[in-house]
C-alpha cells in the first residue's frame, strides 16, 4: 500500500504530510469514515474538541487493529479552554475521549488575540510536552505576530501552524515566515469551499494533463509546496481518491500556474485570526 511521505518537525518528530480531517463530521459518523480513511491508507487523523467527534475518532482507532505507533493523531484546544490550568484539564478530557494514553500533536485552535490568554495556553502545551503527554505541540490560526510573541516569551517554537490555505488564498507570506522559524505549515480547507476551485479552468486543465481529478491536483499542489494537508470527505470513493493524490506529481509549470490563482485576502473563506474572537 502507498504511504504518505513524512515531514520532520523542529523537535525531531515526524508527521505524515497527507492526513484526513474530520471537521463537520458528526460523532456517530466519525467511526465509519475514519475506518474508511484507514482502509484507504491514511494514518494521520486531525480532529478537535469543538468538532464534537473525538469519541468517534477514538472508537475508530480502537476498532482498527492498528497500533498507536502506526497512527498520527492530532486534536486541538478550544477557545473557551484557553488559560494554563484549563488547558491542562481540557487536554486530559480530549485524551480520554480519544481513548489514548498520549497524543502525537496538540494545537491551540485559534489565536484569540482579544482574549489574550494564548501565551499562558502555550506555556501549558510546553508543560504537557515536558511531561511526555504529547509528542509535539503547535498552533492553528496564528498570525506572524502571535507566533513571534509566544516564541519570544517562552523560547519554544511551535512545530506547526495550521491555517486556512488553498490556491485562492495561498498564504505565501505566512508560509515564508513559518519556514524562517522552522515551523511547518498545515492547510485546512485545502480544496476551498463550494466547488469553485475544483471547477477552475486552470485546475481542470492540469487535471486533464495528468489524468487526475481536480481535487487530486490541488492536493498534489499542497504536497509540492511543502504543506501538510488534511482533505475531508465522508464519501468513501472520494476518501480513496484523495489518498491516491500521492500518485500525482506536478511539474514546476503546474505549480506556478496554480500559484497564480491566489486572490490574496479576497480569497479568504474563514475568519481572520488577527481579529476573530469567538467562544
Protein backbone atom coordinates (compact mmCIF):
# COMPACT_ATOMS: atom_id res chain seq x y z
CA UNK A 1 0.00 0.00 0.00
CA UNK A 2 1.16 3.53 -0.79
CA UNK A 3 2.11 5.53 2.28
CA UNK A 4 2.27 9.27 2.83
CA UNK A 5 5.70 10.88 2.95
CA UNK A 6 6.69 12.23 6.36
CA UNK A 7 7.85 15.74 7.15
CA UNK A 8 10.12 16.43 10.13
CA UNK A 9 9.19 18.84 12.89
CA UNK A 10 11.68 21.16 14.55
CA UNK A 11 11.54 18.85 17.61
CA UNK A 12 12.74 15.85 15.58
CA UNK A 13 9.38 14.07 15.40
CA UNK A 14 7.69 13.43 12.06
CA UNK A 15 4.18 13.89 10.66
CA UNK A 16 2.58 12.23 7.62
CA UNK A 17 2.25 15.01 5.06
CA UNK A 18 -1.17 13.82 3.89
CA UNK A 19 -3.84 13.37 6.56
CA UNK A 20 -7.59 13.07 6.93
CA UNK A 21 -9.60 15.86 8.55
CA UNK A 22 -12.94 15.39 10.32
CA UNK A 23 -14.31 18.93 10.62
CA UNK A 24 -18.13 18.90 10.39
CA UNK A 25 -18.27 15.11 10.70
CA UNK A 26 -20.88 14.02 13.25
CA UNK A 27 -19.62 11.83 16.06
CA UNK A 28 -21.89 8.97 15.01
CA UNK A 29 -20.41 9.06 11.50
CA UNK A 30 -16.80 9.58 12.52
CA UNK A 31 -16.05 5.96 13.39
CA UNK A 32 -17.17 4.74 9.96
CA UNK A 33 -15.40 7.37 7.86
CA UNK A 34 -12.17 7.27 9.86
CA UNK A 35 -12.11 3.49 9.40
CA UNK A 36 -12.62 4.09 5.68
CA UNK A 37 -9.72 6.53 5.77
CA UNK A 38 -7.54 3.89 7.44
CA UNK A 39 -8.57 1.36 4.78
CA UNK A 40 -7.63 3.86 2.04
CA UNK A 41 -4.16 4.28 3.55
CA UNK A 42 -4.44 7.36 5.76
CA UNK A 43 -2.63 7.11 9.09
CA UNK A 44 -2.83 10.78 10.12
CA UNK A 45 -6.18 11.95 11.57
CA UNK A 46 -6.93 15.57 12.51
CA UNK A 47 -9.77 16.32 14.94
CA UNK A 48 -10.58 18.94 17.61
CA UNK A 49 -12.67 19.30 20.73
CA UNK A 50 -15.06 21.72 19.04
CA UNK A 51 -15.76 19.21 16.25
CA UNK A 52 -17.57 17.05 18.80
CA UNK A 53 -16.23 13.83 17.30
CA UNK A 54 -13.16 12.94 19.35
CA UNK A 55 -15.05 9.96 20.82
CA UNK A 56 -15.98 8.72 17.35
CA UNK A 57 -12.39 9.02 16.22
CA UNK A 58 -11.39 7.13 19.34
CA UNK A 59 -13.79 4.31 18.50
CA UNK A 60 -12.32 4.08 15.01
CA UNK A 61 -8.81 3.86 16.44
CA UNK A 62 -9.85 1.19 18.94
CA UNK A 63 -11.59 -0.96 16.34
CA UNK A 64 -8.99 -0.54 13.60
CA UNK A 65 -6.47 -3.11 14.76
CA UNK A 66 -3.76 -0.52 14.17
CA UNK A 67 -1.28 0.24 16.94
CA UNK A 68 -0.72 3.78 18.24
CA UNK A 69 2.77 3.63 16.74
CA UNK A 70 1.22 3.24 13.27
CA UNK A 71 -1.00 6.29 13.66
CA UNK A 72 -0.61 10.05 13.99
CA UNK A 73 -3.46 11.74 15.88
CA UNK A 74 -3.98 15.49 16.27
CA UNK A 75 -6.57 17.30 18.35
CA UNK A 76 -7.00 20.93 19.33
CA UNK A 77 -7.76 23.02 22.39
CA UNK A 78 -10.95 25.07 22.05
CA UNK A 79 -11.04 28.81 22.72
CA UNK A 80 -13.17 28.58 25.88
CA UNK A 81 -10.50 26.37 27.47
CA UNK A 82 -7.58 28.75 26.94
CA UNK A 83 -5.51 29.54 30.04
CA UNK A 84 -2.83 27.50 31.81
CA UNK A 85 -4.78 25.27 34.22
CA UNK A 86 -7.86 24.97 31.99
CA UNK A 87 -5.65 23.85 29.10
CA UNK A 88 -4.11 21.08 31.19
CA UNK A 89 -7.57 19.85 32.18
CA UNK A 90 -9.02 20.10 28.66
CA UNK A 91 -6.12 18.10 27.25
CA UNK A 92 -6.79 15.19 29.60
CA UNK A 93 -10.50 15.23 28.71
CA UNK A 94 -9.72 15.13 25.00
CA UNK A 95 -7.30 12.28 25.53
CA UNK A 96 -9.95 10.33 27.43
CA UNK A 97 -12.46 10.81 24.61
CA UNK A 98 -9.88 9.60 22.10
CA UNK A 99 -9.06 6.60 24.29
CA UNK A 100 -5.34 7.34 24.11
CA UNK A 101 -2.63 7.45 26.75
CA UNK A 102 -0.60 10.09 24.87
CA UNK A 103 -1.04 12.26 21.80
CA UNK A 104 1.07 12.90 18.71
CA UNK A 105 0.17 16.58 18.24
CA UNK A 106 -1.82 19.12 20.28
CA UNK A 107 -2.71 22.53 18.88
CA UNK A 108 -4.13 25.81 20.20
CA UNK A 109 -7.12 26.09 17.87
CA UNK A 110 -7.30 29.91 17.50
CA UNK A 111 -5.11 32.85 18.43
CA UNK A 112 -7.98 34.77 20.11
CA UNK A 113 -5.92 37.99 20.47
CA UNK A 114 -8.66 39.89 22.34
CA UNK A 115 -8.92 37.09 24.88
CA UNK A 116 -5.12 37.36 25.27
CA UNK A 117 -4.61 34.02 27.00
CA UNK A 118 -2.60 32.36 24.25
CA UNK A 119 0.81 32.83 25.89
CA UNK A 120 -0.28 31.11 29.11
CA UNK A 121 -2.02 28.49 26.99
CA UNK A 122 1.19 27.89 25.05
CA UNK A 123 3.08 27.51 28.33
CA UNK A 124 0.63 24.75 29.28
CA UNK A 125 1.29 22.95 25.98
CA UNK A 126 5.04 23.22 26.64
CA UNK A 127 4.45 21.63 30.07
CA UNK A 128 2.38 18.81 28.55
CA UNK A 129 5.21 18.07 26.16
CA UNK A 130 7.75 18.09 29.00
CA UNK A 131 5.57 15.60 30.89
CA UNK A 132 5.50 13.28 27.89
CA UNK A 133 1.74 13.60 27.49
CA UNK A 134 2.08 14.86 23.92
CA UNK A 135 4.95 14.34 21.48
CA UNK A 136 4.69 17.60 19.55
CA UNK A 137 2.91 20.90 20.09
CA UNK A 138 1.78 23.59 17.72
CA UNK A 139 -0.84 26.16 16.90
CA UNK A 140 -3.68 26.75 14.49
CA UNK A 141 -4.87 30.03 13.00
CA UNK A 142 -1.92 32.06 14.30
CA UNK A 143 -0.57 35.23 12.70
CA UNK A 144 3.11 36.09 12.39
CA UNK A 145 2.74 38.43 15.37
CA UNK A 146 1.16 35.76 17.54
CA UNK A 147 3.83 33.25 16.63
CA UNK A 148 6.63 35.70 17.36
CA UNK A 149 5.16 36.58 20.75
CA UNK A 150 4.92 33.01 22.04
CA UNK A 151 8.43 32.30 20.78
CA UNK A 152 9.79 35.44 22.45
CA UNK A 153 8.02 34.82 25.76
CA UNK A 154 8.68 31.07 26.09
CA UNK A 155 11.67 30.28 23.89
CA UNK A 156 9.70 27.37 22.41
CA UNK A 157 8.92 27.39 18.69
CA UNK A 158 5.69 25.65 17.58
CA UNK A 159 6.19 22.57 15.44
CA UNK A 160 3.38 23.55 13.07
CA UNK A 161 0.89 26.31 12.26
CA UNK A 162 -2.39 25.04 10.79
CA UNK A 163 -4.17 27.75 8.80
CA UNK A 164 -6.70 28.24 6.04
CA UNK A 165 -4.73 27.66 2.85
CA UNK A 166 -5.76 26.81 -0.72
CA UNK A 167 -4.85 28.11 -4.20
CA UNK A 168 -7.25 31.07 -3.94
CA UNK A 169 -5.61 32.03 -0.60
CA UNK A 170 -2.12 30.59 -0.66
CA UNK A 171 -0.67 32.49 2.32
CA UNK A 172 2.78 32.85 0.70
CA UNK A 173 3.95 35.48 3.20
CA UNK A 174 2.90 33.48 6.26
CA UNK A 175 4.37 30.30 4.79
CA UNK A 176 7.69 32.08 4.29
CA UNK A 177 7.61 33.32 7.89
CA UNK A 178 6.88 29.81 9.14
CA UNK A 179 9.85 28.48 7.16
CA UNK A 180 12.09 31.18 8.62
CA UNK A 181 11.21 29.95 12.13
CA UNK A 182 11.40 26.24 11.34
CA UNK A 183 7.60 25.86 11.61
CA UNK A 184 5.73 23.54 9.25
CA UNK A 185 2.59 24.87 7.57
CA UNK A 186 -0.59 22.82 7.57
CA UNK A 187 -3.57 23.63 5.35
CA UNK A 188 -7.20 23.48 6.42
CA UNK A 189 -9.95 23.90 3.83
CA UNK A 190 -7.28 22.77 1.33
CA UNK A 191 -9.78 22.34 -1.52
CA UNK A 192 -11.51 25.66 -0.96
CA UNK A 193 -15.25 25.72 -0.47
CA UNK A 194 -18.32 25.30 -2.62
CA UNK A 195 -16.60 23.69 -5.60
CA UNK A 196 -15.40 26.89 -7.27
CA UNK A 197 -11.72 25.95 -7.04
CA UNK A 198 -12.30 22.44 -8.38
CA UNK A 199 -14.18 23.91 -11.36
CA UNK A 200 -11.44 26.41 -12.16
CA UNK A 201 -10.19 26.12 -15.75
CA UNK A 202 -6.52 26.12 -14.75
CA UNK A 203 -7.01 23.30 -12.27
CA UNK A 204 -9.17 21.36 -14.72
CA UNK A 205 -6.56 21.68 -17.45
CA UNK A 206 -3.78 20.40 -15.21
CA UNK A 207 -6.05 17.55 -14.09
CA UNK A 208 -6.62 16.51 -17.71
CA UNK A 209 -2.89 16.68 -18.38
CA UNK A 210 -2.16 14.25 -15.54
CA UNK A 211 -5.26 12.05 -15.97
CA UNK A 212 -6.21 13.05 -12.44
CA UNK A 213 -9.19 14.69 -10.75
CA UNK A 214 -9.18 18.40 -9.86
CA UNK A 215 -9.14 17.51 -6.15
CA UNK A 216 -6.10 15.30 -6.66
CA UNK A 217 -4.32 18.14 -8.48
CA UNK A 218 -4.98 20.61 -5.66
CA UNK A 219 -3.78 18.10 -3.05
CA UNK A 220 -0.69 17.42 -5.16
CA UNK A 221 -0.05 21.18 -5.26
CA UNK A 222 -0.14 21.35 -1.47
CA UNK A 223 2.30 18.45 -1.24
CA UNK A 224 4.59 20.04 -3.85
CA UNK A 225 4.89 23.35 -1.97
CA UNK A 226 5.59 21.59 1.33
CA UNK A 227 2.26 21.86 3.14
CA UNK A 228 0.85 19.26 5.46
CA UNK A 229 -2.66 18.81 4.07
CA UNK A 230 -5.86 17.30 5.57
CA UNK A 231 -8.64 16.98 2.99
CA UNK A 232 -12.02 15.89 4.35
CA UNK A 233 -14.78 13.84 2.76
CA UNK A 234 -17.44 11.50 4.11
CA UNK A 235 -17.75 9.70 0.75
CA UNK A 236 -15.65 6.54 0.63
CA UNK A 237 -14.75 6.87 -3.05
CA UNK A 238 -13.54 10.43 -2.52
CA UNK A 239 -11.56 9.44 0.56
CA UNK A 240 -9.80 6.89 -1.64
CA UNK A 241 -9.40 9.44 -4.44
CA UNK A 242 -7.84 11.97 -2.09
CA UNK A 243 -5.28 9.47 -0.82
CA UNK A 244 -4.46 8.48 -4.40
CA UNK A 245 -3.33 12.09 -4.98
CA UNK A 246 0.02 10.84 -3.66
CA UNK A 247 0.50 9.34 -7.12
CA UNK A 248 0.12 12.70 -8.90
CA UNK A 249 3.36 14.59 -9.50
CA UNK A 250 3.10 18.16 -10.75
CA UNK A 251 5.85 19.84 -12.72
CA UNK A 252 7.16 23.33 -11.99
CA UNK A 253 4.88 24.90 -14.59
CA UNK A 254 1.83 23.29 -13.00
CA UNK A 255 2.79 24.57 -9.57
CA UNK A 256 3.43 28.07 -10.89
CA UNK A 257 0.08 28.13 -12.71
CA UNK A 258 -1.78 27.15 -9.53
CA UNK A 259 0.23 29.69 -7.53
CA UNK A 260 -1.14 32.28 -9.93
CA UNK A 261 -4.70 31.64 -8.77
CA UNK A 262 -4.07 33.43 -5.46
CA UNK A 263 -6.54 36.21 -4.69
CA UNK A 264 -4.85 37.48 -1.55
CA UNK A 265 -7.14 38.46 1.32
CA UNK A 266 -10.14 38.37 -1.02
CA UNK A 267 -9.67 34.61 -1.27
CA UNK A 268 -10.13 34.01 2.45
CA UNK A 269 -13.13 31.85 3.36
CA UNK A 270 -12.98 31.66 7.16
CA UNK A 271 -12.42 34.18 9.96
CA UNK A 272 -9.31 36.36 10.07
CA UNK A 273 -7.23 35.15 13.07
CA UNK A 274 -5.90 38.67 13.64
CA UNK A 275 -9.34 39.89 14.74
CA UNK A 276 -11.52 36.81 15.30
CA UNK A 277 -12.95 36.48 18.79
CA UNK A 278 -15.46 33.73 19.50
CA UNK A 279 -16.09 31.07 22.12
